[in-house]
Amino acid sequence: MKQLSTPLLWLRDGPDEVQSLVAGLDLVRTAAHKDASHAWLCMIANGTAHYLSTFASTELLSRWYIGDNELYGVVAPVGRLRTGTDGELVLDGCWRFGSGSHRAAVMAMGCEPVAGRRTTVLVDRGRLEVAHPWEGPGLLATASHTLRASGVRVSPADVVDMTDVPAGRPVGIYADPDLFLANMPGVAIGLAERLLALLVPGPLPGAWQATYADAVARNTLARRGLTGMLHSFDALARAGKLALFSPALRQEFLLMLSASYHTGLDAALALAEGCDSMDPEVRQQLEQARIDIATMRPHAAMRPSRLVNAKPVSPAPEGMPR
């Protein structure tokens, strides 16, 4: 398995970009110019950091984000936090796609609501079992294993209430759990940009130039459309007006993410399939790109049919964007 450098991430009290979805998208895109696996880990690590920065205490962040600790998360609320027979808190559950789990020091695992409160538990990675190893053909360095907790004891100090943004916290753009996904299309868009830079066509017109021009148009549409939407969310967040989405806005947001994600993948695939370079290094990069694309395409979070048929959610509070 290839070795990747530590993912870049921003925490609260870091640079201004900590409160920018657009900056996060650009970071992931830039990472994908070199390696899609690294970009995927940057996306997960930054999503986790931004999400926790909105809700967690400074003490908790200082304790877990220290030294070379790598912290990744699964926001799906499928874990169960209960009180054991001795009064201690106990964590059970099974989380799919724990990206970064093989290199994590800590995993932030979403749990079912407790007394109506959304919770995330930070747990030492060594106390979680691999229920199903990642066996996909590409993006292997992300090691997106299915993780299981069976009666793992946790400290109350490591339980984060994700229901309300605490008073006095900086305005948090990850206050809505679906905003965790905002930078996922950056991996696909950045992969396409890498291939566009690698496969610049010659001056003579032909089928390859048409394929290349179409890929440029598709990827530009994906990037600019998504960036425009995220710019508007950044502005709302800084004005303190972005909380839980209304049903219509949530649907529009998720469909835009899915469209950008798959448009970027389509552009990358057209380039990878349309090029007939004899250069061994180029051919190797194209083959890896095809594997990465095949692995990313079926990701459940970006599946259009799931988004179109999504169950309605509770309306946003009065005064929130609709």
C-alpha atoms as a PDB file:
ATOM      1  CA  MET A   1       0.000   0.000   0.000  1.00  0.00           C
ATOM      2  CA  LYS A   2       1.385   3.391  -0.954  1.00  0.00           C
ATOM      3  CA  GLN A   3       2.288   5.843   1.772  1.00  0.00           C
ATOM      4  CA  LEU A   4       0.590   9.239   1.792  1.00  0.00           C
ATOM      5  CA  SER A   5       1.604  12.393   3.576  1.00  0.00           C
ATOM      6  CA  THR A   6      -0.465  13.741   6.453  1.00  0.00           C
ATOM      7  CA  PRO A   7      -3.663  15.355   5.112  1.00  0.00           C
ATOM      8  CA  LEU A   8      -3.831  19.113   5.250  1.00  0.00           C
ATOM      9  CA  LEU A   9      -6.571  20.433   7.488  1.00  0.00           C
ATOM     10  CA  TRP A  10      -7.807  23.577   9.145  1.00  0.00           C
ATOM     11  CA  LEU A  11      -9.166  23.844  12.665  1.00  0.00           C
ATOM     12  CA  ARG A  12     -10.921  26.584  14.533  1.00  0.00           C
ATOM     13  CA  ASP A  13      -8.415  29.316  15.456  1.00  0.00           C
ATOM     14  CA  GLY A  14      -6.523  28.506  12.260  1.00  0.00           C
ATOM     15  CA  PRO A  15      -6.487  30.724   9.139  1.00  0.00           C
ATOM     16  CA  ASP A  16      -9.637  32.404   7.866  1.00  0.00           C
ATOM     17  CA  GLU A  17     -10.216  29.526   5.469  1.00  0.00           C
ATOM     18  CA  VAL A  18     -11.498  27.441   8.376  1.00  0.00           C
ATOM     19  CA  GLN A  19     -14.841  29.117   7.728  1.00  0.00           C
ATOM     20  CA  SER A  20     -14.864  28.678   3.953  1.00  0.00           C
ATOM     21  CA  LEU A  21     -16.416  25.808   2.052  1.00  0.00           C
ATOM     22  CA  VAL A  22     -14.860  27.155  -1.145  1.00  0.00           C
ATOM     23  CA  ALA A  23     -11.365  27.098   0.368  1.00  0.00           C
ATOM     24  CA  GLY A  24     -11.942  23.520   1.512  1.00  0.00           C
ATOM     25  CA  LEU A  25     -13.026  22.563  -2.003  1.00  0.00           C
ATOM     26  CA  ASP A  26      -9.895  24.166  -3.457  1.00  0.00           C
ATOM     27  CA  LEU A  27      -7.673  22.326  -0.982  1.00  0.00           C
ATOM     28  CA  VAL A  28      -9.187  18.960  -1.964  1.00  0.00           C
ATOM     29  CA  ARG A  29      -8.983  19.778  -5.683  1.00  0.00           C
ATOM     30  CA  THR A  30      -5.311  20.710  -5.358  1.00  0.00           C
ATOM     31  CA  ALA A  31      -4.525  17.497  -3.468  1.00  0.00           C
ATOM     32  CA  ALA A  32      -6.201  15.475  -6.238  1.00  0.00           C
ATOM     33  CA  HIS A  33      -3.830  17.008  -8.788  1.00  0.00           C
ATOM     34  CA  LYS A  34      -1.248  14.612  -7.350  1.00  0.00           C
ATOM     35  CA  ASP A  35      -3.189  11.722  -5.822  1.00  0.00           C
ATOM     36  CA  ALA A  36      -6.906  10.960  -5.533  1.00  0.00           C
ATOM     37  CA  SER A  37      -6.401   8.909  -2.358  1.00  0.00           C
ATOM     38  CA  HIS A  38      -4.659  11.801  -0.640  1.00  0.00           C
ATOM     39  CA  ALA A  39      -7.434  14.154  -1.747  1.00  0.00           C
ATOM     40  CA  TRP A  40     -10.073  11.788  -0.334  1.00  0.00           C
ATOM     41  CA  LEU A  41      -8.303  11.716   3.023  1.00  0.00           C
ATOM     42  CA  CYS A  42      -8.008  15.525   2.999  1.00  0.00           C
ATOM     43  CA  MET A  43     -11.751  15.708   2.364  1.00  0.00           C
ATOM     44  CA  ILE A  44     -12.569  13.370   5.280  1.00  0.00           C
ATOM     45  CA  ALA A  45     -10.015  14.926   7.654  1.00  0.00           C
ATOM     46  CA  ASN A  46     -11.172  18.470   6.926  1.00  0.00           C
ATOM     47  CA  GLY A  47     -14.841  17.551   7.152  1.00  0.00           C
ATOM     48  CA  THR A  48     -14.198  16.001  10.550  1.00  0.00           C
ATOM     49  CA  ALA A  49     -12.119  18.961  11.766  1.00  0.00           C
ATOM     50  CA  HIS A  50     -14.597  21.596  10.622  1.00  0.00           C
ATOM     51  CA  TYR A  51     -17.557  19.686  11.984  1.00  0.00           C
ATOM     52  CA  LEU A  52     -15.948  19.220  15.392  1.00  0.00           C
ATOM     53  CA  SER A  53     -14.719  22.827  15.418  1.00  0.00           C
ATOM     54  CA  THR A  54     -18.325  23.957  15.330  1.00  0.00           C
ATOM     55  CA  PHE A  55     -19.476  21.937  18.335  1.00  0.00           C
ATOM     56  CA  ALA A  56     -16.559  20.639  20.411  1.00  0.00           C
ATOM     57  CA  SER A  57     -14.921  22.430  23.309  1.00  0.00           C
ATOM     58  CA  THR A  58     -11.486  23.980  22.960  1.00  0.00           C
ATOM     59  CA  GLU A  59     -10.251  21.527  25.607  1.00  0.00           C
ATOM     60  CA  LEU A  60     -11.384  18.521  23.589  1.00  0.00           C
ATOM     61  CA  LEU A  61      -9.892  19.833  20.337  1.00  0.00           C
ATOM     62  CA  SER A  62      -6.576  20.643  22.036  1.00  0.00           C
ATOM     63  CA  ARG A  63      -6.448  17.185  23.569  1.00  0.00           C
ATOM     64  CA  TRP A  64      -7.162  15.179  20.411  1.00  0.00           C
ATOM     65  CA  TYR A  65      -5.579  17.366  17.714  1.00  0.00           C
ATOM     66  CA  ILE A  66      -2.079  17.217  19.111  1.00  0.00           C
ATOM     67  CA  GLY A  67       1.241  16.294  17.512  1.00  0.00           C
ATOM     68  CA  ASP A  68       0.839  13.929  14.571  1.00  0.00           C
ATOM     69  CA  ASN A  69      -2.559  12.551  15.599  1.00  0.00           C
ATOM     70  CA  GLU A  70      -4.763  11.885  12.605  1.00  0.00           C
ATOM     71  CA  LEU A  71      -8.472  12.123  13.282  1.00  0.00           C
ATOM     72  CA  TYR A  72     -11.138  10.954  10.851  1.00  0.00           C
ATOM     73  CA  GLY A  73     -14.880  10.581  11.247  1.00  0.00           C
ATOM     74  CA  VAL A  74     -18.056   8.896  10.113  1.00  0.00           C
ATOM     75  CA  VAL A  75     -20.971  11.273  10.593  1.00  0.00           C
ATOM     76  CA  ALA A  76     -23.680   8.686   9.882  1.00  0.00           C
ATOM     77  CA  PRO A  77     -25.625   8.422  13.176  1.00  0.00           C
ATOM     78  CA  VAL A  78     -25.621   4.635  13.430  1.00  0.00           C
ATOM     79  CA  GLY A  79     -23.749   4.050  16.681  1.00  0.00           C
ATOM     80  CA  ARG A  80     -25.474   3.530  20.017  1.00  0.00           C
ATOM     81  CA  LEU A  81     -24.303   5.218  23.191  1.00  0.00           C
ATOM     82  CA  ARG A  82     -25.719   3.602  26.322  1.00  0.00           C
ATOM     83  CA  THR A  83     -25.098   3.359  30.029  1.00  0.00           C
ATOM     84  CA  GLY A  84     -23.556   0.067  31.130  1.00  0.00           C
ATOM     85  CA  THR A  85     -24.486  -1.927  34.202  1.00  0.00           C
ATOM     86  CA  ASP A  86     -21.747  -0.199  36.194  1.00  0.00           C
ATOM     87  CA  GLY A  87     -22.896   3.281  35.155  1.00  0.00           C
ATOM     88  CA  GLU A  88     -20.106   3.796  32.598  1.00  0.00           C
ATOM     89  CA  LEU A  89     -20.869   4.994  29.056  1.00  0.00           C
ATOM     90  CA  VAL A  90     -20.615   2.216  26.492  1.00  0.00           C
ATOM     91  CA  LEU A  91     -20.412   2.501  22.696  1.00  0.00           C
ATOM     92  CA  ASP A  92     -21.775  -0.076  20.255  1.00  0.00           C
ATOM     93  CA  GLY A  93     -22.318   0.112  16.516  1.00  0.00           C
ATOM     94  CA  CYS A  94     -21.162  -0.609  12.991  1.00  0.00           C
ATOM     95  CA  TRP A  95     -20.052   2.196  10.662  1.00  0.00           C
ATOM     96  CA  ARG A  96     -19.496   1.680   6.945  1.00  0.00           C
ATOM     97  CA  PHE A  97     -16.718   3.366   5.009  1.00  0.00           C
ATOM     98  CA  GLY A  98     -14.432   4.582   7.790  1.00  0.00           C
ATOM     99  CA  SER A  99     -12.052   6.334   5.376  1.00  0.00           C
ATOM    100  CA  GLY A 100      -8.587   6.808   6.855  1.00  0.00           C
ATOM    101  CA  SER A 101      -9.192   4.223   9.562  1.00  0.00           C
ATOM    102  CA  HIS A 102      -5.920   2.355   9.025  1.00  0.00           C
ATOM    103  CA  ARG A 103      -3.870   5.456   9.812  1.00  0.00           C
ATOM    104  CA  ALA A 104      -6.149   7.187  12.317  1.00  0.00           C
ATOM    105  CA  ALA A 105      -5.255   7.787  15.937  1.00  0.00           C
ATOM    106  CA  VAL A 106      -8.859   8.729  16.661  1.00  0.00           C
ATOM    107  CA  MET A 107     -12.237   8.188  14.975  1.00  0.00           C
ATOM    108  CA  ALA A 108     -15.198  10.517  15.534  1.00  0.00           C
ATOM    109  CA  MET A 109     -18.201   8.201  15.264  1.00  0.00           C
ATOM    110  CA  GLY A 110     -21.779   9.426  14.826  1.00  0.00           C
ATOM    111  CA  CYS A 111     -24.421   7.979  17.145  1.00  0.00           C
ATOM    112  CA  GLU A 112     -28.175   7.746  17.264  1.00  0.00           C
ATOM    113  CA  PRO A 113     -29.768  10.610  19.217  1.00  0.00           C
ATOM    114  CA  VAL A 114     -29.722  10.216  22.983  1.00  0.00           C
ATOM    115  CA  ALA A 115     -32.737  11.865  24.644  1.00  0.00           C
ATOM    116  CA  GLY A 116     -33.260  13.796  21.418  1.00  0.00           C
ATOM    117  CA  ARG A 117     -29.658  15.046  21.270  1.00  0.00           C
ATOM    118  CA  ARG A 118     -27.341  14.236  18.344  1.00  0.00           C
ATOM    119  CA  THR A 119     -24.010  12.932  19.562  1.00  0.00           C
ATOM    120  CA  THR A 120     -20.577  12.067  18.207  1.00  0.00           C
ATOM    121  CA  VAL A 121     -18.111  10.011  20.233  1.00  0.00           C
ATOM    122  CA  LEU A 122     -14.344  10.337  19.871  1.00  0.00           C
ATOM    123  CA  VAL A 123     -12.738   6.953  20.379  1.00  0.00           C
ATOM    124  CA  ASP A 124      -9.227   5.555  20.136  1.00  0.00           C
ATOM    125  CA  ARG A 125      -8.956   3.787  16.779  1.00  0.00           C
ATOM    126  CA  GLY A 126      -7.275   0.792  18.416  1.00  0.00           C
ATOM    127  CA  ARG A 127     -10.492   0.009  20.318  1.00  0.00           C
ATOM    128  CA  LEU A 128     -12.528  -0.382  17.110  1.00  0.00           C
ATOM    129  CA  GLU A 129     -12.632  -3.646  15.162  1.00  0.00           C
ATOM    130  CA  VAL A 130     -12.540  -3.985  11.376  1.00  0.00           C
ATOM    131  CA  ALA A 131     -15.819  -5.717  10.555  1.00  0.00           C
ATOM    132  CA  HIS A 132     -15.245  -5.713   6.787  1.00  0.00           C
ATOM    133  CA  PRO A 133     -11.925  -4.707   5.193  1.00  0.00           C
ATOM    134  CA  TRP A 134     -11.928  -2.343   2.254  1.00  0.00           C
ATOM    135  CA  GLU A 135     -11.686  -4.521  -0.840  1.00  0.00           C
ATOM    136  CA  GLY A 136     -12.342  -1.997  -3.596  1.00  0.00           C
ATOM    137  CA  PRO A 137      -9.868  -1.934  -6.500  1.00  0.00           C
ATOM    138  CA  GLY A 138      -8.878   1.723  -6.200  1.00  0.00           C
ATOM    139  CA  LEU A 139      -8.240   4.440  -3.657  1.00  0.00           C
ATOM    140  CA  LEU A 140      -6.760   1.678  -1.528  1.00  0.00           C
ATOM    141  CA  ALA A 141      -4.757   4.103   0.584  1.00  0.00           C
ATOM    142  CA  THR A 142      -7.988   5.437   2.093  1.00  0.00           C
ATOM    143  CA  ALA A 143      -8.717   2.034   3.691  1.00  0.00           C
ATOM    144  CA  SER A 144     -12.434   2.731   4.015  1.00  0.00           C
ATOM    145  CA  HIS A 145     -13.098  -0.209   6.305  1.00  0.00           C
ATOM    146  CA  THR A 146     -16.386  -0.986   8.000  1.00  0.00           C
ATOM    147  CA  LEU A 147     -15.664  -0.448  11.696  1.00  0.00           C
ATOM    148  CA  ARG A 148     -17.395  -1.987  14.695  1.00  0.00           C
ATOM    149  CA  ALA A 149     -17.551  -1.054  18.365  1.00  0.00           C
ATOM    150  CA  SER A 150     -18.698  -3.777  20.753  1.00  0.00           C
ATOM    151  CA  GLY A 151     -19.139  -2.584  24.317  1.00  0.00           C
ATOM    152  CA  VAL A 152     -16.339   0.004  24.111  1.00  0.00           C
ATOM    153  CA  ARG A 153     -16.213   2.162  27.236  1.00  0.00           C
ATOM    154  CA  VAL A 154     -15.924   5.881  26.610  1.00  0.00           C
ATOM    155  CA  SER A 155     -15.411   8.927  28.785  1.00  0.00           C
ATOM    156  CA  PRO A 156     -18.183  11.539  29.010  1.00  0.00           C
ATOM    157  CA  ALA A 157     -15.466  14.093  28.138  1.00  0.00           C
ATOM    158  CA  ASP A 158     -15.158  12.499  24.687  1.00  0.00           C
ATOM    159  CA  VAL A 159     -18.858  12.776  23.829  1.00  0.00           C
ATOM    160  CA  VAL A 160     -19.719  15.810  21.685  1.00  0.00           C
ATOM    161  CA  ASP A 161     -23.276  17.172  21.605  1.00  0.00           C
ATOM    162  CA  MET A 162     -23.954  18.023  17.940  1.00  0.00           C
ATOM    163  CA  THR A 163     -27.471  19.370  18.406  1.00  0.00           C
ATOM    164  CA  ASP A 164     -26.980  23.102  18.937  1.00  0.00           C
ATOM    165  CA  VAL A 165     -24.075  25.392  18.121  1.00  0.00           C
ATOM    166  CA  PRO A 166     -22.652  26.375  21.543  1.00  0.00           C
ATOM    167  CA  ALA A 167     -22.850  30.018  22.562  1.00  0.00           C
ATOM    168  CA  GLY A 168     -19.678  31.968  21.877  1.00  0.00           C
ATOM    169  CA  ARG A 169     -18.422  29.626  19.179  1.00  0.00           C
ATOM    170  CA  PRO A 170     -17.288  31.047  15.827  1.00  0.00           C
ATOM    171  CA  VAL A 171     -19.954  30.848  13.155  1.00  0.00           C
ATOM    172  CA  GLY A 172     -19.771  27.243  11.984  1.00  0.00           C
ATOM    173  CA  ILE A 173     -20.507  26.312   8.399  1.00  0.00           C
ATOM    174  CA  TYR A 174     -20.637  22.625   9.332  1.00  0.00           C
ATOM    175  CA  ALA A 175     -23.552  23.095  11.721  1.00  0.00           C
ATOM    176  CA  ASP A 176     -25.667  21.027   9.296  1.00  0.00           C
ATOM    177  CA  PRO A 177     -24.424  17.435   8.947  1.00  0.00           C
ATOM    178  CA  ASP A 178     -24.975  17.403   5.173  1.00  0.00           C
ATOM    179  CA  LEU A 179     -22.388  20.176   4.787  1.00  0.00           C
ATOM    180  CA  PHE A 180     -19.825  17.522   5.717  1.00  0.00           C
ATOM    181  CA  LEU A 181     -20.169  16.344   2.080  1.00  0.00           C
ATOM    182  CA  ALA A 182     -19.535  19.754   0.493  1.00  0.00           C
ATOM    183  CA  ASN A 183     -15.962  19.065  -0.638  1.00  0.00           C
ATOM    184  CA  MET A 184     -16.427  15.482  -1.851  1.00  0.00           C
ATOM    185  CA  PRO A 185     -16.827  16.516  -5.536  1.00  0.00           C
ATOM    186  CA  GLY A 186     -13.427  18.210  -5.296  1.00  0.00           C
ATOM    187  CA  VAL A 187     -11.755  14.798  -5.552  1.00  0.00           C
ATOM    188  CA  ALA A 188     -13.423  14.061  -8.911  1.00  0.00           C
ATOM    189  CA  ILE A 189     -12.936  17.589 -10.261  1.00  0.00           C
ATOM    190  CA  GLY A 190      -9.274  17.636  -9.219  1.00  0.00           C
ATOM    191  CA  LEU A 191      -8.657  14.230 -10.820  1.00  0.00           C
ATOM    192  CA  ALA A 192     -10.076  15.529 -14.109  1.00  0.00           C
ATOM    193  CA  GLU A 193      -7.895  18.645 -13.832  1.00  0.00           C
ATOM    194  CA  ARG A 194      -4.836  16.441 -13.355  1.00  0.00           C
ATOM    195  CA  LEU A 195      -5.608  14.501 -16.534  1.00  0.00           C
ATOM    196  CA  LEU A 196      -6.293  17.719 -18.466  1.00  0.00           C
ATOM    197  CA  ALA A 197      -2.834  18.984 -17.489  1.00  0.00           C
ATOM    198  CA  LEU A 198      -1.243  15.634 -18.365  1.00  0.00           C
ATOM    199  CA  LEU A 199      -2.907  15.151 -21.743  1.00  0.00           C
ATOM    200  CA  VAL A 200      -2.751  18.569 -23.445  1.00  0.00           C
ATOM    201  CA  PRO A 201      -3.666  17.905 -27.115  1.00  0.00           C
ATOM    202  CA  GLY A 202      -1.501  18.843 -30.074  1.00  0.00           C
ATOM    203  CA  PRO A 203      -2.302  21.624 -32.563  1.00  0.00           C
ATOM    204  CA  LEU A 204      -3.959  19.403 -35.193  1.00  0.00           C
ATOM    205  CA  PRO A 205      -7.758  19.059 -35.044  1.00  0.00           C
ATOM    206  CA  GLY A 206      -9.269  15.610 -34.634  1.00  0.00           C
ATOM    207  CA  ALA A 207     -11.310  13.307 -32.425  1.00  0.00           C
ATOM    208  CA  TRP A 208      -8.933  13.640 -29.484  1.00  0.00           C
ATOM    209  CA  GLN A 209      -9.155  17.432 -29.537  1.00  0.00           C
ATOM    210  CA  ALA A 210     -12.952  17.173 -29.483  1.00  0.00           C
ATOM    211  CA  THR A 211     -12.810  14.741 -26.558  1.00  0.00           C
ATOM    212  CA  TYR A 212     -10.424  17.038 -24.705  1.00  0.00           C
ATOM    213  CA  ALA A 213     -12.516  20.158 -25.337  1.00  0.00           C
ATOM    214  CA  ASP A 214     -15.656  18.367 -24.124  1.00  0.00           C
ATOM    215  CA  ALA A 215     -13.865  17.275 -20.933  1.00  0.00           C
ATOM    216  CA  VAL A 216     -12.732  20.870 -20.339  1.00  0.00           C
ATOM    217  CA  ALA A 217     -16.302  22.109 -20.716  1.00  0.00           C
ATOM    218  CA  ARG A 218     -17.774  19.440 -18.416  1.00  0.00           C
ATOM    219  CA  ASN A 219     -15.250  19.955 -15.663  1.00  0.00           C
ATOM    220  CA  THR A 220     -15.449  23.742 -15.843  1.00  0.00           C
ATOM    221  CA  LEU A 221     -19.236  23.509 -15.502  1.00  0.00           C
ATOM    222  CA  ALA A 222     -18.904  21.200 -12.487  1.00  0.00           C
ATOM    223  CA  ARG A 223     -16.323  23.386 -10.749  1.00  0.00           C
ATOM    224  CA  ARG A 224     -17.926  26.775 -11.375  1.00  0.00           C
ATOM    225  CA  GLY A 225     -21.456  25.626 -10.579  1.00  0.00           C
ATOM    226  CA  LEU A 226     -20.396  24.089  -7.283  1.00  0.00           C
ATOM    227  CA  THR A 227     -18.098  26.966  -6.359  1.00  0.00           C
ATOM    228  CA  GLY A 228     -20.877  29.491  -6.971  1.00  0.00           C
ATOM    229  CA  MET A 229     -23.238  27.646  -4.655  1.00  0.00           C
ATOM    230  CA  LEU A 230     -20.623  27.269  -1.922  1.00  0.00           C
ATOM    231  CA  HIS A 231     -19.724  30.973  -2.162  1.00  0.00           C
ATOM    232  CA  SER A 232     -23.330  31.824  -1.330  1.00  0.00           C
ATOM    233  CA  PHE A 233     -23.285  29.442   1.643  1.00  0.00           C
ATOM    234  CA  ASP A 234     -20.022  30.979   2.885  1.00  0.00           C
ATOM    235  CA  ALA A 235     -21.644  34.408   2.841  1.00  0.00           C
ATOM    236  CA  LEU A 236     -24.712  33.157   4.724  1.00  0.00           C
ATOM    237  CA  ALA A 237     -22.525  31.385   7.288  1.00  0.00           C
ATOM    238  CA  ARG A 238     -20.458  34.479   8.012  1.00  0.00           C
ATOM    239  CA  ALA A 239     -23.676  36.426   8.520  1.00  0.00           C
ATOM    240  CA  GLY A 240     -24.877  33.802  10.994  1.00  0.00           C
ATOM    241  CA  LYS A 241     -27.812  32.843   8.772  1.00  0.00           C
ATOM    242  CA  LEU A 242     -26.870  29.294   7.792  1.00  0.00           C
ATOM    243  CA  ALA A 243     -28.249  26.618  10.093  1.00  0.00           C
ATOM    244  CA  LEU A 244     -30.306  23.567   9.173  1.00  0.00           C
ATOM    245  CA  PHE A 245     -31.407  23.529   5.548  1.00  0.00           C
ATOM    246  CA  SER A 246     -35.034  23.702   4.553  1.00  0.00           C
ATOM    247  CA  PRO A 247     -36.149  20.542   2.674  1.00  0.00           C
ATOM    248  CA  ALA A 248     -36.057  22.276  -0.727  1.00  0.00           C
ATOM    249  CA  LEU A 249     -32.614  23.832  -0.186  1.00  0.00           C
ATOM    250  CA  ARG A 250     -31.200  20.586   1.172  1.00  0.00           C
ATOM    251  CA  GLN A 251     -32.425  18.740  -1.922  1.00  0.00           C
ATOM    252  CA  GLU A 252     -30.929  21.369  -4.229  1.00  0.00           C
ATOM    253  CA  PHE A 253     -27.607  21.270  -2.353  1.00  0.00           C
ATOM    254  CA  LEU A 254     -27.322  17.475  -2.468  1.00  0.00           C
ATOM    255  CA  LEU A 255     -28.310  17.284  -6.135  1.00  0.00           C
ATOM    256  CA  MET A 256     -25.698  19.916  -7.028  1.00  0.00           C
ATOM    257  CA  LEU A 257     -23.039  17.925  -5.168  1.00  0.00           C
ATOM    258  CA  SER A 258     -24.026  14.740  -6.983  1.00  0.00           C
ATOM    259  CA  ALA A 259     -24.116  16.465 -10.373  1.00  0.00           C
ATOM    260  CA  SER A 260     -20.677  18.050  -9.865  1.00  0.00           C
ATOM    261  CA  TYR A 261     -19.203  14.786  -8.572  1.00  0.00           C
ATOM    262  CA  HIS A 262     -20.425  12.678 -11.489  1.00  0.00           C
ATOM    263  CA  THR A 263     -19.709  15.357 -14.110  1.00  0.00           C
ATOM    264  CA  GLY A 264     -16.108  15.510 -12.897  1.00  0.00           C
ATOM    265  CA  LEU A 265     -15.841  11.723 -13.014  1.00  0.00           C
ATOM    266  CA  ASP A 266     -17.349  11.638 -16.521  1.00  0.00           C
ATOM    267  CA  ALA A 267     -14.829  14.207 -17.731  1.00  0.00           C
ATOM    268  CA  ALA A 268     -11.941  12.239 -16.208  1.00  0.00           C
ATOM    269  CA  LEU A 269     -13.197   8.967 -17.699  1.00  0.00           C
ATOM    270  CA  ALA A 270     -13.556  10.484 -21.177  1.00  0.00           C
ATOM    271  CA  LEU A 271      -9.921  11.585 -20.996  1.00  0.00           C
ATOM    272  CA  ALA A 272      -8.675   8.255 -19.624  1.00  0.00           C
ATOM    273  CA  GLU A 273     -10.568   6.228 -22.231  1.00  0.00           C
ATOM    274  CA  GLY A 274      -9.945   8.554 -25.179  1.00  0.00           C
ATOM    275  CA  CYS A 275      -6.165   8.839 -24.940  1.00  0.00           C
ATOM    276  CA  ASP A 276      -3.997   6.248 -26.752  1.00  0.00           C
ATOM    277  CA  SER A 277      -0.586   7.438 -25.567  1.00  0.00           C
ATOM    278  CA  MET A 278       2.291   4.990 -25.917  1.00  0.00           C
ATOM    279  CA  ASP A 279       4.221   6.616 -23.082  1.00  0.00           C
ATOM    280  CA  PRO A 280       4.457   3.954 -20.304  1.00  0.00           C
ATOM    281  CA  GLU A 281       4.237   6.511 -17.490  1.00  0.00           C
ATOM    282  CA  VAL A 282       1.193   8.177 -19.018  1.00  0.00           C
ATOM    283  CA  ARG A 283      -0.481   4.817 -19.601  1.00  0.00           C
ATOM    284  CA  GLN A 284       0.118   3.870 -15.956  1.00  0.00           C
ATOM    285  CA  GLN A 285      -1.458   7.110 -14.750  1.00  0.00           C
ATOM    286  CA  LEU A 286      -4.463   6.601 -17.021  1.00  0.00           C
ATOM    287  CA  GLU A 287      -4.979   3.070 -15.725  1.00  0.00           C
ATOM    288  CA  GLN A 288      -4.833   4.263 -12.125  1.00  0.00           C
ATOM    289  CA  ALA A 289      -7.318   7.024 -12.978  1.00  0.00           C
ATOM    290  CA  ARG A 290      -9.736   4.472 -14.470  1.00  0.00           C
ATOM    291  CA  ILE A 291      -9.503   2.387 -11.297  1.00  0.00           C
ATOM    292  CA  ASP A 292     -10.065   5.433  -9.074  1.00  0.00           C
ATOM    293  CA  ILE A 293     -13.076   6.510 -11.146  1.00  0.00           C
ATOM    294  CA  ALA A 294     -14.646   3.026 -10.997  1.00  0.00           C
ATOM    295  CA  THR A 295     -14.180   3.001  -7.225  1.00  0.00           C
ATOM    296  CA  MET A 296     -15.602   6.468  -6.605  1.00  0.00           C
ATOM    297  CA  ARG A 297     -18.596   6.320  -8.938  1.00  0.00           C
ATOM    298  CA  PRO A 298     -20.920   4.101  -6.816  1.00  0.00           C
ATOM    299  CA  HIS A 299     -20.344   5.968  -3.535  1.00  0.00           C
ATOM    300  CA  ALA A 300     -23.673   5.930  -1.710  1.00  0.00           C
ATOM    301  CA  ALA A 301     -23.508   9.577  -0.588  1.00  0.00           C
ATOM    302  CA  MET A 302     -23.360  10.759  -4.214  1.00  0.00           C
ATOM    303  CA  ARG A 303     -25.909   8.350  -5.696  1.00  0.00           C
ATOM    304  CA  PRO A 304     -28.490  10.466  -7.598  1.00  0.00           C
ATOM    305  CA  SER A 305     -31.372   8.034  -7.048  1.00  0.00           C
ATOM    306  CA  ARG A 306     -30.872   8.201  -3.277  1.00  0.00           C
ATOM    307  CA  LEU A 307     -30.966  11.984  -3.366  1.00  0.00           C
ATOM    308  CA  VAL A 308     -34.059  12.258  -5.562  1.00  0.00           C
ATOM    309  CA  ASN A 309     -35.981   9.848  -3.342  1.00  0.00           C
ATOM    310  CA  ALA A 310     -34.666  11.229  -0.065  1.00  0.00           C
ATOM    311  CA  LYS A 311     -37.098  11.323   2.817  1.00  0.00           C
ATOM    312  CA  PRO A 312     -38.273  14.811   3.827  1.00  0.00           C
ATOM    313  CA  VAL A 313     -36.564  16.372   6.828  1.00  0.00           C
ATOM    314  CA  SER A 314     -37.873  18.745   9.457  1.00  0.00           C
ATOM    315  CA  PRO A 315     -38.379  22.341   8.289  1.00  0.00           C
ATOM    316  CA  ALA A 316     -35.697  24.878   9.092  1.00  0.00           C
ATOM    317  CA  PRO A 317     -36.392  27.261  11.970  1.00  0.00           C
ATOM    318  CA  GLU A 318     -37.991  30.574  11.117  1.00  0.00           C
ATOM    319  CA  GLY A 319     -35.504  33.071   9.752  1.00  0.00           C
ATOM    320  CA  MET A 320     -33.229  30.431   8.218  1.00  0.00           C
ATOM    321  CA  PRO A 321     -32.555  30.288   4.439  1.00  0.00           C
ATOM    322  CA  ARG A 322     -35.260  28.415   2.530  1.00  0.00           C
END
